[in-house]
C-alpha atoms as a PDB file:
ATOM      1  CA  MET A   1     161.449 171.851 155.113  1.00  0.00           C
ATOM      2  CA  LYS A   2     160.149 172.090 151.528  1.00  0.00           C
ATOM      3  CA  SER A   3     157.861 169.089 152.010  1.00  0.00           C
ATOM      4  CA  LEU A   4     156.468 170.544 155.255  1.00  0.00           C
ATOM      5  CA  ILE A   5     155.705 173.849 153.523  1.00  0.00           C
ATOM      6  CA  LYS A   6     154.117 171.997 150.591  1.00  0.00           C
ATOM      7  CA  LEU A   7     152.025 169.826 152.917  1.00  0.00           C
ATOM      8  CA  GLY A   8     150.946 172.919 154.848  1.00  0.00           C
ATOM      9  CA  ASP A   9     149.993 174.761 151.667  1.00  0.00           C
ATOM     10  CA  VAL A  10     148.021 171.828 150.277  1.00  0.00           C
ATOM     11  CA  ALA A  11     146.249 171.360 153.625  1.00  0.00           C
ATOM     12  CA  GLY A  12     145.636 175.107 153.831  1.00  0.00           C
ATOM     13  CA  MET A  13     144.166 175.248 150.331  1.00  0.00           C
ATOM     14  CA  ALA A  14     141.916 172.276 151.103  1.00  0.00           C
ATOM     15  CA  ALA A  15     140.792 173.754 154.439  1.00  0.00           C
ATOM     16  CA  SER A  16     140.160 177.175 152.878  1.00  0.00           C
ATOM     17  CA  ALA A  17     138.151 175.636 150.036  1.00  0.00           C
ATOM     18  CA  LEU A  18     136.178 173.519 152.525  1.00  0.00           C
ATOM     19  CA  CYS A  19     135.523 176.623 154.585  1.00  0.00           C
ATOM     20  CA  LEU A  20     134.261 178.484 151.505  1.00  0.00           C
ATOM     21  CA  VAL A  21     131.907 175.648 150.577  1.00  0.00           C
ATOM     22  CA  HIS A  22     130.748 175.390 154.186  1.00  0.00           C
ATOM     23  CA  CYS A  23     130.053 179.114 154.477  1.00  0.00           C
ATOM     24  CA  LEU A  24     128.236 179.334 151.172  1.00  0.00           C
ATOM     25  CA  ALA A  25     126.119 176.196 151.673  1.00  0.00           C
ATOM     26  CA  MET A  26     125.562 176.350 155.421  1.00  0.00           C
ATOM     27  CA  PRO A  27     122.617 178.788 155.444  1.00  0.00           C
ATOM     28  CA  LEU A  28     120.609 176.220 153.473  1.00  0.00           C
ATOM     29  CA  VAL A  29     121.868 173.214 155.412  1.00  0.00           C
ATOM     30  CA  MET A  30     121.288 174.915 158.786  1.00  0.00           C
ATOM     31  CA  LEU A  31     117.561 174.943 158.113  1.00  0.00           C
ATOM     32  CA  ALA A  32     117.568 171.132 158.226  1.00  0.00           C
ATOM     33  CA  PHE A  33     119.852 170.729 161.268  1.00  0.00           C
ATOM     34  CA  PRO A  34     117.224 171.350 164.001  1.00  0.00           C
ATOM     35  CA  MET A  35     114.781 168.968 162.325  1.00  0.00           C
ATOM     36  CA  LEU A  36     117.478 166.275 162.228  1.00  0.00           C
ATOM     37  CA  GLY A  37     118.721 166.967 165.770  1.00  0.00           C
ATOM     38  CA  LEU A  38     122.160 168.017 164.507  1.00  0.00           C
ATOM     39  CA  ALA A  39     122.437 171.535 165.950  1.00  0.00           C
ATOM     40  CA  HIS A  40     125.635 170.636 167.869  1.00  0.00           C
ATOM     41  CA  VAL A  41     127.394 169.404 164.692  1.00  0.00           C
ATOM     42  CA  HIS A  42     127.885 172.959 163.420  1.00  0.00           C
ATOM     43  CA  ASP A  43     129.830 173.981 166.539  1.00  0.00           C
ATOM     44  CA  THR A  44     132.021 170.875 166.350  1.00  0.00           C
ATOM     45  CA  PHE A  45     132.715 171.593 162.699  1.00  0.00           C
ATOM     46  CA  HIS A  46     133.778 175.158 163.566  1.00  0.00           C
ATOM     47  CA  ASP A  47     136.188 173.893 166.216  1.00  0.00           C
ATOM     48  CA  THR A  48     137.715 171.523 163.665  1.00  0.00           C
ATOM     49  CA  LEU A  49     137.962 174.302 161.073  1.00  0.00           C
ATOM     50  CA  VAL A  50     139.870 176.531 163.489  1.00  0.00           C
ATOM     51  CA  ALA A  51     142.613 173.919 163.693  1.00  0.00           C
ATOM     52  CA  ALA A  52     142.404 173.033 159.996  1.00  0.00           C
ATOM     53  CA  VAL A  53     142.855 176.660 158.963  1.00  0.00           C
ATOM     54  CA  THR A  54     145.331 177.817 161.635  1.00  0.00           C
ATOM     55  CA  LEU A  55     147.830 174.938 161.481  1.00  0.00           C
ATOM     56  CA  PRO A  56     148.597 175.298 157.748  1.00  0.00           C
ATOM     57  CA  VAL A  57     149.273 179.003 158.251  1.00  0.00           C
ATOM     58  CA  LEU A  58     151.821 178.104 160.902  1.00  0.00           C
ATOM     59  CA  LEU A  59     153.275 175.151 158.955  1.00  0.00           C
ATOM     60  CA  ALA A  60     153.415 176.735 155.493  1.00  0.00           C
ATOM     61  CA  LEU A  61     153.103 180.499 155.402  1.00  0.00           C
ATOM     62  CA  ILE A  62     155.481 181.376 158.220  1.00  0.00           C
ATOM     63  CA  PRO A  63     158.275 179.044 157.013  1.00  0.00           C
ATOM     64  CA  GLY A  64     157.486 180.174 153.458  1.00  0.00           C
ATOM     65  CA  TYR A  65     157.996 183.785 154.512  1.00  0.00           C
ATOM     66  CA  LEU A  66     161.266 182.943 156.257  1.00  0.00           C
ATOM     67  CA  ARG A  67     162.440 181.270 153.071  1.00  0.00           C
ATOM     68  CA  HIS A  68     161.157 183.710 150.411  1.00  0.00           C
ATOM     69  CA  ARG A  69     160.680 186.948 152.362  1.00  0.00           C
ATOM     70  CA  ASP A  70     157.442 187.626 150.462  1.00  0.00           C
ATOM     71  CA  LYS A  71     155.613 190.061 152.724  1.00  0.00           C
ATOM     72  CA  THR A  72     152.484 190.051 150.545  1.00  0.00           C
ATOM     73  CA  THR A  73     151.945 186.320 151.053  1.00  0.00           C
ATOM     74  CA  LEU A  74     152.404 186.610 154.798  1.00  0.00           C
ATOM     75  CA  LEU A  75     150.106 189.655 154.951  1.00  0.00           C
ATOM     76  CA  LEU A  76     147.388 187.869 152.952  1.00  0.00           C
ATOM     77  CA  GLY A  77     147.657 184.816 155.197  1.00  0.00           C
ATOM     78  CA  CYS A  78     147.681 186.702 158.492  1.00  0.00           C
ATOM     79  CA  THR A  79     144.818 188.955 157.393  1.00  0.00           C
ATOM     80  CA  GLY A  80     142.840 185.917 156.252  1.00  0.00           C
ATOM     81  CA  LEU A  81     143.476 184.068 159.498  1.00  0.00           C
ATOM     82  CA  GLY A  82     142.623 187.159 161.548  1.00  0.00           C
ATOM     83  CA  CYS A  83     139.357 187.658 159.639  1.00  0.00           C
ATOM     84  CA  PHE A  84     138.492 183.988 160.063  1.00  0.00           C
ATOM     85  CA  LEU A  85     139.035 184.049 163.819  1.00  0.00           C
ATOM     86  CA  LEU A  86     137.216 187.380 164.094  1.00  0.00           C
ATOM     87  CA  ALA A  87     134.267 185.938 162.168  1.00  0.00           C
ATOM     88  CA  LEU A  88     133.998 182.892 164.435  1.00  0.00           C
ATOM     89  CA  PHE A  89     134.627 184.412 167.828  1.00  0.00           C
ATOM     90  CA  VAL A  90     133.419 188.010 167.555  1.00  0.00           C
ATOM     91  CA  ILE A  91     131.138 188.563 164.574  1.00  0.00           C
ATOM     92  CA  SER A  92     129.082 185.384 164.967  1.00  0.00           C
ATOM     93  CA  PRO A  93     128.054 186.004 168.608  1.00  0.00           C
ATOM     94  CA  LEU A  94     127.387 189.709 167.997  1.00  0.00           C
ATOM     95  CA  PHE A  95     125.807 189.735 164.544  1.00  0.00           C
ATOM     96  CA  GLY A  96     124.808 186.153 163.762  1.00  0.00           C
ATOM     97  CA  GLU A  97     125.518 183.437 161.240  1.00  0.00           C
ATOM     98  CA  VAL A  98     125.003 185.508 158.083  1.00  0.00           C
ATOM     99  CA  ALA A  99     127.567 188.139 159.088  1.00  0.00           C
ATOM    100  CA  GLU A 100     129.950 185.390 160.176  1.00  0.00           C
ATOM    101  CA  ALA A 101     129.556 183.606 156.836  1.00  0.00           C
ATOM    102  CA  ALA A 102     130.210 186.798 154.861  1.00  0.00           C
ATOM    103  CA  LEU A 103     133.460 187.525 156.709  1.00  0.00           C
ATOM    104  CA  ALA A 104     134.483 183.860 156.685  1.00  0.00           C
ATOM    105  CA  VAL A 105     134.056 183.733 152.888  1.00  0.00           C
ATOM    106  CA  ALA A 106     136.322 186.784 152.548  1.00  0.00           C
ATOM    107  CA  SER A 107     138.863 185.189 154.890  1.00  0.00           C
ATOM    108  CA  GLY A 108     138.739 181.926 152.936  1.00  0.00           C
ATOM    109  CA  ILE A 109     139.530 183.773 149.718  1.00  0.00           C
ATOM    110  CA  LEU A 110     142.448 185.584 151.394  1.00  0.00           C
ATOM    111  CA  LEU A 111     143.825 182.350 152.856  1.00  0.00           C
ATOM    112  CA  LEU A 112     143.431 180.454 149.607  1.00  0.00           C
ATOM    113  CA  SER A 113     145.271 183.204 147.704  1.00  0.00           C
ATOM    114  CA  ALA A 114     148.079 183.235 150.283  1.00  0.00           C
ATOM    115  CA  HIS A 115     148.585 179.475 150.046  1.00  0.00           C
ATOM    116  CA  VAL A 116     148.467 179.507 146.232  1.00  0.00           C
ATOM    117  CA  ARG A 117     150.974 182.368 146.166  1.00  0.00           C
ATOM    118  CA  ASN A 118     153.236 180.525 148.612  1.00  0.00           C
ATOM    119  CA  ARG A 119     153.056 177.344 146.476  1.00  0.00           C
ATOM    120  CA  ARG A 120     154.057 179.345 143.403  1.00  0.00           C
ATOM    121  CA  ARG A 121     157.031 180.835 145.251  1.00  0.00           C
ATOM    122  CA  CYS A 122     158.137 177.373 146.375  1.00  0.00           C
ATOM    123  CA  ALA A 123     157.698 175.984 142.850  1.00  0.00           C
ATOM    124  CA  ARG A 124     159.971 178.726 141.507  1.00  0.00           C
ATOM    125  CA  CYS A 125     162.565 177.773 144.111  1.00  0.00           C
ATOM    126  CA  SER A 126     162.387 174.129 143.062  1.00  0.00           C
ATOM    127  CA  VAL A 127     162.962 175.063 139.429  1.00  0.00           C
ATOM    128  CA  ARG A 128     165.851 177.343 140.366  1.00  0.00           C
ATOM    129  CA  GLY A 129     167.296 174.705 142.669  1.00  0.00           C
ATOM    130  CA  LYS A 130     167.392 172.094 139.885  1.00  0.00           C
ATOM    131  CA  GLY A 131     169.277 174.458 137.597  1.00  0.00           C
ATOM    132  CA  LYS A 132     171.587 175.725 140.332  1.00  0.00           C
ATOM    133  CA  ASP A 133     174.502 173.462 139.342  1.00  0.00           C
ATOM    134  CA  LYS A 134     174.477 174.895 135.827  1.00  0.00           C
ATOM    135  CA  VAL A 135     174.293 178.419 137.178  1.00  0.00           C
ATOM    136  CA  LEU A 136     177.249 177.825 139.479  1.00  0.00           C
ATOM    137  CA  ARG A 137     179.329 176.445 136.634  1.00  0.00           C
ATOM    138  CA  THR A 138     178.450 179.150 134.126  1.00  0.00           C
ATOM    139  CA  GLY A 139     178.183 182.216 136.320  1.00  0.00           C
ATOM    140  CA  PRO A 140     177.035 183.741 139.577  1.00  0.00           C
ATOM    141  CA  ALA A 141     173.761 182.724 141.145  1.00  0.00           C
ATOM    142  CA  PRO A 142     170.900 185.213 140.982  1.00  0.00           C
ATOM    143  CA  SER A 143     170.630 187.410 144.046  1.00  0.00           C
ATOM    144  CA  ASN A 144     167.079 186.265 144.828  1.00  0.00           C
ATOM    145  CA  ALA A 145     167.887 182.522 144.692  1.00  0.00           C
ATOM    146  CA  CYS A 146     166.106 180.378 147.224  1.00  0.00           C
END
């Protein structure tokens, strides 16, 4: 379970960072797409990003919440995912690429923070888990042990 959460967090951080770079650079790159005949590539990339951003939330943040009960991490992740999906499917058709990019950048920051926070929680559990034998021999385990 730990390795699945770690893999999901690493994938989520990579996807969120890629999304941020994409959203910040895309207005400049989009100017060249029509000239190069690559207008369809942007839509394909968005479809791929939906999976790349959504799956790590399901694979890392939800199991991470079930393990650590950190509501802030789950709230950051769900808000980030909601903003991302809203940006792609609602804001973009109604208000255009610039509005979509602005909301997608905010969602990328929220998702990145959620995954980093989840990784830190899991790292604390790993450290506690390694010292658990000593704790059991010398005294009671802490109440918030993982």
